[in-house]
C-alpha atoms as a PDB file:
ATOM      1  CA  MET A   1     -52.516  97.464  11.443  1.00  0.00           C
ATOM      2  CA  ASN A   2     -56.127  96.935  12.492  1.00  0.00           C
ATOM      3  CA  ASN A   3     -55.376  93.354  13.482  1.00  0.00           C
ATOM      4  CA  GLU A   4     -52.422  94.512  15.605  1.00  0.00           C
ATOM      5  CA  GLU A   5     -54.535  97.186  17.306  1.00  0.00           C
ATOM      6  CA  ASP A   6     -57.292  94.654  17.962  1.00  0.00           C
ATOM      7  CA  GLY A   7     -54.774  92.254  19.456  1.00  0.00           C
ATOM      8  CA  GLN A   8     -53.348  94.977  21.732  1.00  0.00           C
ATOM      9  CA  LEU A   9     -56.815  96.001  22.898  1.00  0.00           C
ATOM     10  CA  THR A  10     -57.821  92.420  23.633  1.00  0.00           C
ATOM     11  CA  SER A  11     -54.606  91.863  25.565  1.00  0.00           C
ATOM     12  CA  ARG A  12     -55.111  95.021  27.695  1.00  0.00           C
ATOM     13  CA  TYR A  13     -58.770  94.704  28.652  1.00  0.00           C
ATOM     14  CA  SER A  14     -60.958  91.840  29.706  1.00  0.00           C
ATOM     15  CA  TYR A  15     -64.505  91.093  28.687  1.00  0.00           C
ATOM     16  CA  GLN A  16     -65.952  92.761  31.803  1.00  0.00           C
ATOM     17  CA  ASP A  17     -63.862  95.908  31.174  1.00  0.00           C
ATOM     18  CA  PHE A  18     -65.210  96.169  27.655  1.00  0.00           C
ATOM     19  CA  LEU A  19     -68.766  95.894  28.931  1.00  0.00           C
ATOM     20  CA  GLU A  20     -68.172  98.719  31.418  1.00  0.00           C
ATOM     21  CA  LEU A  21     -66.613 100.891  28.708  1.00  0.00           C
ATOM     22  CA  LEU A  22     -69.563 100.187  26.449  1.00  0.00           C
ATOM     23  CA  SER A  23     -72.016 101.304  29.116  1.00  0.00           C
ATOM     24  CA  THR A  24     -70.052 104.522  29.798  1.00  0.00           C
ATOM     25  CA  TYR A  25     -69.818 105.292  26.073  1.00  0.00           C
ATOM     26  CA  GLU A  26     -73.540 104.789  25.679  1.00  0.00           C
ATOM     27  CA  GLY A  27     -74.137 107.346  28.444  1.00  0.00           C
ATOM     28  CA  GLU A  28     -71.709 109.767  26.790  1.00  0.00           C
ATOM     29  CA  LEU A  29     -73.473 109.335  23.464  1.00  0.00           C
ATOM     30  CA  GLN A  30     -76.798 110.139  25.056  1.00  0.00           C
ATOM     31  CA  ALA A  31     -75.319 113.238  26.712  1.00  0.00           C
ATOM     32  CA  ARG A  32     -73.727 114.206  23.404  1.00  0.00           C
ATOM     33  CA  ASP A  33     -77.094 114.011  21.638  1.00  0.00           C
ATOM     34  CA  VAL A  34     -78.672 116.244  24.330  1.00  0.00           C
ATOM     35  CA  ILE A  35     -75.859 118.817  23.994  1.00  0.00           C
ATOM     36  CA  ILE A  36     -76.163 118.811  20.204  1.00  0.00           C
ATOM     37  CA  ASP A  37     -79.890 119.479  20.426  1.00  0.00           C
ATOM     38  CA  CYS A  38     -79.334 122.368  22.845  1.00  0.00           C
ATOM     39  CA  LEU A  39     -76.615 123.940  20.679  1.00  0.00           C
ATOM     40  CA  LEU A  40     -78.724 123.621  17.537  1.00  0.00           C
ATOM     41  CA  LYS A  41     -81.628 125.344  19.230  1.00  0.00           C
ATOM     42  CA  LYS A  42     -79.370 128.166  20.430  1.00  0.00           C
ATOM     43  CA  GLN A  43     -77.896 128.554  16.943  1.00  0.00           C
ATOM     44  CA  GLN A  44     -81.372 128.755  15.428  1.00  0.00           C
ATOM     45  CA  LEU A  45     -82.383 131.415  17.922  1.00  0.00           C
ATOM     46  CA  THR A  46     -79.268 133.558  17.403  1.00  0.00           C
ATOM     47  CA  SER A  47     -79.098 133.298  13.608  1.00  0.00           C
ATOM     48  CA  THR A  48     -82.729 134.137  12.613  1.00  0.00           C
ATOM     49  CA  PRO A  49     -82.520 136.562   9.587  1.00  0.00           C
ATOM     50  CA  ASN A  50     -86.125 137.815   9.585  1.00  0.00           C
ATOM     51  CA  LEU A  51     -87.058 139.053  13.043  1.00  0.00           C
ATOM     52  CA  PRO A  52     -90.456 140.673  13.732  1.00  0.00           C
ATOM     53  CA  SER A  53     -90.369 144.397  14.574  1.00  0.00           C
ATOM     54  CA  ASN A  54     -92.576 144.323  17.605  1.00  0.00           C
ATOM     55  CA  SER A  55     -91.347 141.115  19.227  1.00  0.00           C
ATOM     56  CA  THR A  56     -90.302 141.996  22.762  1.00  0.00           C
ATOM     57  CA  ALA A  57     -91.021 138.676  24.394  1.00  0.00           C
ATOM     58  CA  ASN A  58     -87.574 137.141  23.668  1.00  0.00           C
ATOM     59  CA  ALA A  59     -84.584 138.799  25.255  1.00  0.00           C
ATOM     60  CA  LEU A  60     -82.163 137.674  22.533  1.00  0.00           C
ATOM     61  CA  GLU A  61     -84.340 139.162  19.819  1.00  0.00           C
ATOM     62  CA  SER A  62     -84.488 142.443  21.658  1.00  0.00           C
ATOM     63  CA  LEU A  63     -80.716 142.438  22.005  1.00  0.00           C
ATOM     64  CA  VAL A  64     -80.330 141.881  18.284  1.00  0.00           C
ATOM     65  CA  ARG A  65     -82.821 144.612  17.587  1.00  0.00           C
ATOM     66  CA  ASP A  66     -81.048 147.046  19.846  1.00  0.00           C
ATOM     67  CA  SER A  67     -77.611 146.160  18.487  1.00  0.00           C
ATOM     68  CA  THR A  68     -77.784 149.096  16.097  1.00  0.00           C
ATOM     69  CA  TYR A  69     -77.687 151.437  19.032  1.00  0.00           C
ATOM     70  CA  ILE A  70     -74.767 149.723  20.727  1.00  0.00           C
ATOM     71  CA  ASP A  71     -71.141 150.849  20.424  1.00  0.00           C
ATOM     72  CA  SER A  72     -68.604 149.129  18.145  1.00  0.00           C
ATOM     73  CA  SER A  73     -66.676 147.719  21.104  1.00  0.00           C
ATOM     74  CA  SER A  74     -69.700 145.823  22.316  1.00  0.00           C
ATOM     75  CA  LEU A  75     -70.291 144.547  18.784  1.00  0.00           C
ATOM     76  CA  GLN A  76     -66.725 143.251  18.633  1.00  0.00           C
ATOM     77  CA  SER A  77     -67.229 141.437  21.906  1.00  0.00           C
ATOM     78  CA  VAL A  78     -70.407 139.893  20.544  1.00  0.00           C
ATOM     79  CA  ASN A  79     -68.572 138.804  17.378  1.00  0.00           C
ATOM     80  CA  ARG A  80     -65.854 137.302  19.506  1.00  0.00           C
ATOM     81  CA  CYS A  81     -68.422 135.375  21.446  1.00  0.00           C
ATOM     82  CA  CYS A  82     -69.994 134.151  18.221  1.00  0.00           C
ATOM     83  CA  SER A  83     -66.611 133.066  16.803  1.00  0.00           C
ATOM     84  CA  SER A  84     -65.741 131.270  20.041  1.00  0.00           C
ATOM     85  CA  CYS A  85     -69.088 129.515  19.910  1.00  0.00           C
ATOM     86  CA  SER A  86     -68.483 128.447  16.318  1.00  0.00           C
ATOM     87  CA  ASN A  87     -65.020 127.204  17.264  1.00  0.00           C
ATOM     88  CA  ASN A  88     -66.510 125.287  20.135  1.00  0.00           C
ATOM     89  CA  LEU A  89     -69.036 123.755  17.774  1.00  0.00           C
ATOM     90  CA  LEU A  90     -66.257 122.649  15.397  1.00  0.00           C
ATOM     91  CA  SER A  91     -64.257 121.147  18.253  1.00  0.00           C
ATOM     92  CA  THR A  92     -67.329 119.330  19.498  1.00  0.00           C
ATOM     93  CA  ALA A  93     -67.962 118.032  15.967  1.00  0.00           C
ATOM     94  CA  LYS A  94     -64.391 116.718  15.786  1.00  0.00           C
ATOM     95  CA  PHE A  95     -64.800 115.175  19.194  1.00  0.00           C
ATOM     96  CA  LEU A  96     -68.001 113.509  18.056  1.00  0.00           C
ATOM     97  CA  LEU A  97     -66.255 112.090  14.982  1.00  0.00           C
ATOM     98  CA  SER A  98     -63.467 110.697  17.138  1.00  0.00           C
ATOM     99  CA  GLN A  99     -66.072 109.241  19.476  1.00  0.00           C
ATOM    100  CA  ARG A 100     -67.821 107.578  16.562  1.00  0.00           C
ATOM    101  CA  GLU A 101     -64.538 106.093  15.314  1.00  0.00           C
ATOM    102  CA  ALA A 102     -63.830 104.850  18.820  1.00  0.00           C
ATOM    103  CA  ASP A 103     -67.329 103.351  18.964  1.00  0.00           C
ATOM    104  CA  ILE A 104     -66.697 101.536  15.661  1.00  0.00           C
ATOM    105  CA  LYS A 105     -63.384 100.154  16.966  1.00  0.00           C
ATOM    106  CA  ILE A 106     -65.007  99.097  20.210  1.00  0.00           C
ATOM    107  CA  GLU A 107     -67.765  97.360  18.291  1.00  0.00           C
ATOM    108  CA  LYS A 108     -65.181  95.482  16.216  1.00  0.00           C
ATOM    109  CA  CYS A 109     -63.307  94.474  19.351  1.00  0.00           C
ATOM    110  CA  LEU A 110     -66.521  93.302  20.971  1.00  0.00           C
ATOM    111  CA  ASN A 111     -67.397  91.229  17.896  1.00  0.00           C
ATOM    112  CA  LEU A 112     -63.930  89.701  17.942  1.00  0.00           C
ATOM    113  CA  LEU A 113     -64.226  88.952  21.643  1.00  0.00           C
ATOM    114  CA  THR A 114     -67.642  87.377  21.189  1.00  0.00           C
ATOM    115  CA  GLN A 115     -66.285  85.163  18.394  1.00  0.00           C
ATOM    116  CA  ARG A 116     -63.317  84.085  20.503  1.00  0.00           C
ATOM    117  CA  HIS A 117     -65.536  83.579  23.511  1.00  0.00           C
ATOM    118  CA  SER A 118     -67.882  81.355  21.513  1.00  0.00           C
ATOM    119  CA  LYS A 119     -64.904  79.423  20.122  1.00  0.00           C
ATOM    120  CA  TYR A 120     -63.424  78.900  23.591  1.00  0.00           C
ATOM    121  CA  MET A 121     -66.792  77.844  24.942  1.00  0.00           C
ATOM    122  CA  GLU A 122     -67.147  75.266  22.153  1.00  0.00           C
ATOM    123  CA  GLU A 123     -63.661  73.909  22.919  1.00  0.00           C
ATOM    124  CA  LEU A 124     -64.479  73.712  26.612  1.00  0.00           C
ATOM    125  CA  ALA A 125     -67.724  71.900  25.831  1.00  0.00           C
ATOM    126  CA  GLU A 126     -65.856  69.372  23.667  1.00  0.00           C
ATOM    127  CA  LYS A 127     -63.261  68.827  26.400  1.00  0.00           C
ATOM    128  CA  HIS A 128     -66.027  68.389  28.941  1.00  0.00           C
ATOM    129  CA  LYS A 129     -67.701  65.792  26.716  1.00  0.00           C
ATOM    130  CA  HIS A 130     -64.372  64.010  26.274  1.00  0.00           C
ATOM    131  CA  ILE A 131     -63.812  63.962  30.030  1.00  0.00           C
ATOM    132  CA  LEU A 132     -67.298  62.591  30.581  1.00  0.00           C
ATOM    133  CA  GLY A 133     -66.711  59.876  27.976  1.00  0.00           C
ATOM    134  CA  ILE A 134     -63.429  58.910  29.627  1.00  0.00           C
ATOM    135  CA  ALA A 135     -65.125  58.870  33.034  1.00  0.00           C
ATOM    136  CA  LYS A 136     -67.821  56.548  31.708  1.00  0.00           C
ATOM    137  CA  GLY A 137     -65.396  54.132  30.067  1.00  0.00           C
ATOM    138  CA  GLU A 138     -62.679  54.621  32.663  1.00  0.00           C
ATOM    139  CA  ASP A 139     -62.551  51.014  33.827  1.00  0.00           C
ATOM    140  CA  GLY A 140     -62.056  49.506  30.381  1.00  0.00           C
ATOM    141  CA  TYR A 141     -59.543  52.189  29.446  1.00  0.00           C
ATOM    142  CA  ILE A 142     -57.525  51.552  32.604  1.00  0.00           C
ATOM    143  CA  LYS A 143     -57.576  47.802  31.985  1.00  0.00           C
ATOM    144  CA  GLU A 144     -56.285  48.282  28.447  1.00  0.00           C
ATOM    145  CA  LEU A 145     -53.509  50.508  29.751  1.00  0.00           C
ATOM    146  CA  GLU A 146     -52.540  47.941  32.384  1.00  0.00           C
ATOM    147  CA  VAL A 147     -52.430  45.142  29.796  1.00  0.00           C
ATOM    148  CA  GLU A 148     -50.283  47.279  27.517  1.00  0.00           C
ATOM    149  CA  ARG A 149     -47.998  48.126  30.433  1.00  0.00           C
ATOM    150  CA  ASP A 150     -47.549  44.417  31.271  1.00  0.00           C
ATOM    151  CA  GLN A 151     -46.740  43.624  27.645  1.00  0.00           C
ATOM    152  CA  LEU A 152     -44.166  46.378  27.494  1.00  0.00           C
ATOM    153  CA  PHE A 153     -42.618  45.189  30.763  1.00  0.00           C
ATOM    154  CA  GLU A 154     -42.319  41.640  29.400  1.00  0.00           C
ATOM    155  CA  GLN A 155     -40.760  42.912  26.193  1.00  0.00           C
ATOM    156  CA  LEU A 156     -38.271  44.957  28.194  1.00  0.00           C
ATOM    157  CA  LYS A 157     -37.354  41.944  30.319  1.00  0.00           C
ATOM    158  CA  ASN A 158     -36.866  39.777  27.220  1.00  0.00           C
ATOM    159  CA  ARG A 159     -34.678  42.432  25.642  1.00  0.00           C
ATOM    160  CA  GLN A 160     -32.561  42.615  28.788  1.00  0.00           C
ATOM    161  CA  ASP A 161     -32.136  38.821  28.821  1.00  0.00           C
ATOM    162  CA  ASP A 162     -31.167  38.842  25.147  1.00  0.00           C
ATOM    163  CA  LEU A 163     -28.683  41.606  25.837  1.00  0.00           C
ATOM    164  CA  THR A 164     -27.032  39.664  28.657  1.00  0.00           C
ATOM    165  CA  GLU A 165     -26.809  36.551  26.453  1.00  0.00           C
ATOM    166  CA  LEU A 166     -25.277  38.555  23.646  1.00  0.00           C
ATOM    167  CA  GLU A 167     -22.732  40.063  26.022  1.00  0.00           C
ATOM    168  CA  GLU A 168     -21.768  36.593  27.275  1.00  0.00           C
ATOM    169  CA  GLU A 169     -21.416  35.336  23.709  1.00  0.00           C
ATOM    170  CA  LYS A 170     -19.338  38.385  22.899  1.00  0.00           C
ATOM    171  CA  THR A 171     -16.942  37.681  25.781  1.00  0.00           C
ATOM    172  CA  LYS A 172     -16.668  34.019  24.721  1.00  0.00           C
ATOM    173  CA  ILE A 173     -15.988  34.957  21.118  1.00  0.00           C
ATOM    174  CA  GLU A 174     -13.368  37.497  22.164  1.00  0.00           C
ATOM    175  CA  GLN A 175     -11.682  34.892  24.368  1.00  0.00           C
ATOM    176  CA  LYS A 176     -11.725  32.355  21.524  1.00  0.00           C
ATOM    177  CA  TYR A 177     -10.348  34.969  19.176  1.00  0.00           C
ATOM    178  CA  LEU A 178      -7.450  35.700  21.519  1.00  0.00           C
ATOM    179  CA  GLU A 179      -6.766  31.986  21.961  1.00  0.00           C
ATOM    180  CA  GLU A 180      -6.815  31.400  18.196  1.00  0.00           C
ATOM    181  CA  ARG A 181      -4.545  34.361  17.701  1.00  0.00           C
ATOM    182  CA  GLU A 182      -2.005  32.997  20.170  1.00  0.00           C
ATOM    183  CA  ARG A 183      -2.335  29.590  18.562  1.00  0.00           C
ATOM    184  CA  GLU A 184      -1.698  31.067  15.123  1.00  0.00           C
ATOM    185  CA  LYS A 185       1.381  32.846  16.443  1.00  0.00           C
ATOM    186  CA  LEU A 186       2.729  29.580  17.861  1.00  0.00           C
ATOM    187  CA  LEU A 187       1.885  27.788  14.615  1.00  0.00           C
ATOM    188  CA  VAL A 188       3.700  30.416  12.566  1.00  0.00           C
ATOM    189  CA  LEU A 189       6.759  30.126  14.792  1.00  0.00           C
ATOM    190  CA  PHE A 190       6.622  26.330  14.529  1.00  0.00           C
ATOM    191  CA  LEU A 191       6.322  26.505  10.739  1.00  0.00           C
ATOM    192  CA  LEU A 192       9.234  28.899  10.515  1.00  0.00           C
ATOM    193  CA  GLU A 193      11.319  26.566  12.656  1.00  0.00           C
ATOM    194  CA  GLU A 194      10.326  23.551  10.533  1.00  0.00           C
ATOM    195  CA  ARG A 195      11.105  25.492   7.372  1.00  0.00           C
ATOM    196  CA  GLY A 196      14.576  26.235   8.666  1.00  0.00           C
ATOM    197  CA  LYS A 197      15.071  22.579   9.496  1.00  0.00           C
ATOM    198  CA  LEU A 198      13.839  21.488   6.062  1.00  0.00           C
ATOM    199  CA  LEU A 199      16.116  23.952   4.326  1.00  0.00           C
ATOM    200  CA  LYS A 200      19.019  22.651   6.374  1.00  0.00           C
ATOM    201  CA  GLU A 201      18.155  19.019   5.505  1.00  0.00           C
ATOM    202  CA  ILE A 202      17.766  19.903   1.833  1.00  0.00           C
ATOM    203  CA  GLY A 203      21.215  21.471   1.886  1.00  0.00           C
ATOM    204  CA  GLU A 204      22.666  18.344   3.466  1.00  0.00           C
ATOM    205  CA  LEU A 205      20.897  16.132   0.909  1.00  0.00           C
ATOM    206  CA  LYS A 206      22.245  18.221  -1.932  1.00  0.00           C
ATOM    207  CA  ALA A 207      25.754  17.878  -0.551  1.00  0.00           C
ATOM    208  CA  VAL A 208      25.332  14.084  -0.193  1.00  0.00           C
ATOM    209  CA  ASN A 209      23.902  13.826  -3.717  1.00  0.00           C
ATOM    210  CA  LYS A 210      26.822  15.740  -5.136  1.00  0.00           C
ATOM    211  CA  ALA A 211      29.261  13.413  -3.366  1.00  0.00           C
ATOM    212  CA  SER A 212      27.391  10.328  -4.625  1.00  0.00           C
ATOM    213  CA  THR A 213      27.364  11.614  -8.206  1.00  0.00           C
ATOM    214  CA  VAL A 214      31.111  12.158  -8.065  1.00  0.00           C
ATOM    215  CA  ILE A 215      31.628   8.593  -6.786  1.00  0.00           C
ATOM    216  CA  CYS A 216      29.327   7.171  -9.436  1.00  0.00           C
ATOM    217  CA  ARG A 217      31.152   8.994 -12.222  1.00  0.00           C
ATOM    218  CA  ARG A 218      34.506   7.704 -11.056  1.00  0.00           C
ATOM    219  CA  SER A 219      33.166   4.150 -10.684  1.00  0.00           C
ATOM    220  CA  THR A 220      31.655   4.126 -14.204  1.00  0.00           C
ATOM    221  CA  SER A 221      34.783   5.455 -15.882  1.00  0.00           C
ATOM    222  CA  LEU A 222      36.509   1.946 -15.830  1.00  0.00           C
ATOM    223  CA  PRO A 223      33.838   0.079 -17.837  1.00  0.00           C
ATOM    224  CA  ARG A 224      33.894   2.825 -20.414  1.00  0.00           C
ATOM    225  CA  ARG A 225      37.648   2.349 -20.883  1.00  0.00           C
ATOM    226  CA  ILE A 226      37.194  -1.415 -21.276  1.00  0.00           C
ATOM    227  CA  ILE A 227      34.466  -0.943 -23.885  1.00  0.00           C
ATOM    228  CA  SER A 228      36.556   1.547 -25.815  1.00  0.00           C
ATOM    229  CA  ALA A 229      39.539  -0.836 -25.802  1.00  0.00           C
ATOM    230  CA  ALA A 230      37.381  -3.711 -27.053  1.00  0.00           C
ATOM    231  CA  LYS A 231      36.124  -1.608 -29.930  1.00  0.00           C
ATOM    232  CA  GLN A 232      39.696  -0.810 -30.900  1.00  0.00           C
ATOM    233  CA  ASN A 233      40.657  -4.557 -30.631  1.00  0.00           C
ATOM    234  CA  SER A 234      43.586  -3.684 -28.515  1.00  0.00           C
ATOM    235  CA  PRO A 235      44.773  -5.751 -25.554  1.00  0.00           C
ATOM    236  CA  ILE A 236      43.706  -4.482 -22.254  1.00  0.00           C
ATOM    237  CA  SER A 237      46.677  -3.395 -20.343  1.00  0.00           C
ATOM    238  CA  THR A 238      47.021  -3.587 -16.687  1.00  0.00           C
ATOM    239  CA  LYS A 239      47.054   0.141 -16.668  1.00  0.00           C
ATOM    240  CA  HIS A 240      43.423   0.222 -17.789  1.00  0.00           C
ATOM    241  CA  LEU A 241      42.465  -2.262 -15.094  1.00  0.00           C
ATOM    242  CA  LEU A 242      44.142  -0.356 -12.403  1.00  0.00           C
ATOM    243  CA  LEU A 243      41.779   1.657 -10.320  1.00  0.00           C
ATOM    244  CA  PRO A 244      42.342   5.362  -9.917  1.00  0.00           C
ATOM    245  CA  HIS A 245      44.308   6.794  -7.111  1.00  0.00           C
ATOM    246  CA  ASN A 246      42.749   6.213  -3.735  1.00  0.00           C
ATOM    247  CA  SER A 247      40.092   3.900  -5.209  1.00  0.00           C
ATOM    248  CA  SER A 248      39.728   2.048  -1.920  1.00  0.00           C
ATOM    249  CA  GLU A 249      38.772   5.267  -0.212  1.00  0.00           C
ATOM    250  CA  HIS A 250      36.120   5.936  -2.843  1.00  0.00           C
ATOM    251  CA  HIS A 251      34.669   2.456  -2.435  1.00  0.00           C
ATOM    252  CA  GLN A 252      34.619   2.909   1.300  1.00  0.00           C
ATOM    253  CA  GLN A 253      32.751   6.228   0.961  1.00  0.00           C
ATOM    254  CA  ARG A 254      30.237   4.616  -1.400  1.00  0.00           C
ATOM    255  CA  ASP A 255      29.592   1.707   0.970  1.00  0.00           C
ATOM    256  CA  ASP A 256      29.234   4.070   3.887  1.00  0.00           C
ATOM    257  CA  PHE A 257      26.721   6.139   1.941  1.00  0.00           C
ATOM    258  CA  TYR A 258      24.529   3.159   1.068  1.00  0.00           C
ATOM    259  CA  GLN A 259      24.742   1.718   4.574  1.00  0.00           C
ATOM    260  CA  LYS A 260      24.228   5.096   6.280  1.00  0.00           C
ATOM    261  CA  PRO A 261      20.687   5.659   7.659  1.00  0.00           C
ATOM    262  CA  PRO A 262      18.751   8.636   6.225  1.00  0.00           C
ATOM    263  CA  LEU A 263      18.754  11.978   7.998  1.00  0.00           C
ATOM    264  CA  MET A 264      15.883  13.242  10.096  1.00  0.00           C
ATOM    265  CA  GLY A 265      13.018  14.611   8.050  1.00  0.00           C
ATOM    266  CA  THR A 266      14.146  13.147   4.724  1.00  0.00           C
ATOM    267  CA  THR A 267      11.389  10.530   4.666  1.00  0.00           C
ATOM    268  CA  ASN A 268       8.744  13.083   5.505  1.00  0.00           C
ATOM    269  CA  TYR A 269      10.151  15.417   2.909  1.00  0.00           C
ATOM    270  CA  ALA A 270      10.111  12.614   0.297  1.00  0.00           C
ATOM    271  CA  ASN A 271       6.538  11.669   1.200  1.00  0.00           C
ATOM    272  CA  ASN A 272       5.489  15.281   0.946  1.00  0.00           C
ATOM    273  CA  ASN A 273       7.074  15.518  -2.491  1.00  0.00           C
ATOM    274  CA  LYS A 274       5.227  12.357  -3.599  1.00  0.00           C
ATOM    275  CA  ASN A 275       1.929  13.744  -2.341  1.00  0.00           C
ATOM    276  CA  MET A 276       2.582  16.964  -4.150  1.00  0.00           C
END
């Protein structure tokens, strides 16, 4: 709480305001001391228990002496005056206590302000020294800054050149990628087409091979009959030597097959099979 109050006071008033308040409070304290002395003297004069009988020089003493002859109403008024005076004394005492507390707070605030003022003055002195040092070595400092600026500018220019080169390489690579992609598409289509052709040629070769095997089986059946007849020691009849039905057609098909040129792609296919 005290720190918050101190902060509020320092934010409201300036250093000059606090000095003026201090001077006014000092004057009030001096006036307070004078008033206290006067009131104490009056209290001593009015509350003396042993008064001399023949003292007529002081008017207050004579009034006290003659109070026995005064009416009760006047005595009540005197008592009222005395009670009001005592109340006034108590109020002044409370006021003095509050003034003392305020003086203590003001003293704390002034100490805090002096500490902050000294701290700020030290910081300002350090800044002033720093500024003077910079002013003395200003030329060298500026030269170093210029050299650093030139280096940074060169680095920036090199980075920009590298960036442009990388962008050009990127465009070239993208173009090559697109070209290779189109080329791969064409190659795939070409391979699919060649595969279809090869499958077609393989089918034709299988059909030709089947036909040749049938012809070969029919052509080899006659020697087998002759060999079997020789083993049985039986004369070979003309029936065994006769060729099967339409034998001339079979011989013609066989001759055509051996004289027929190979189909397209068969040599490549055979070479590929050998390599495999």
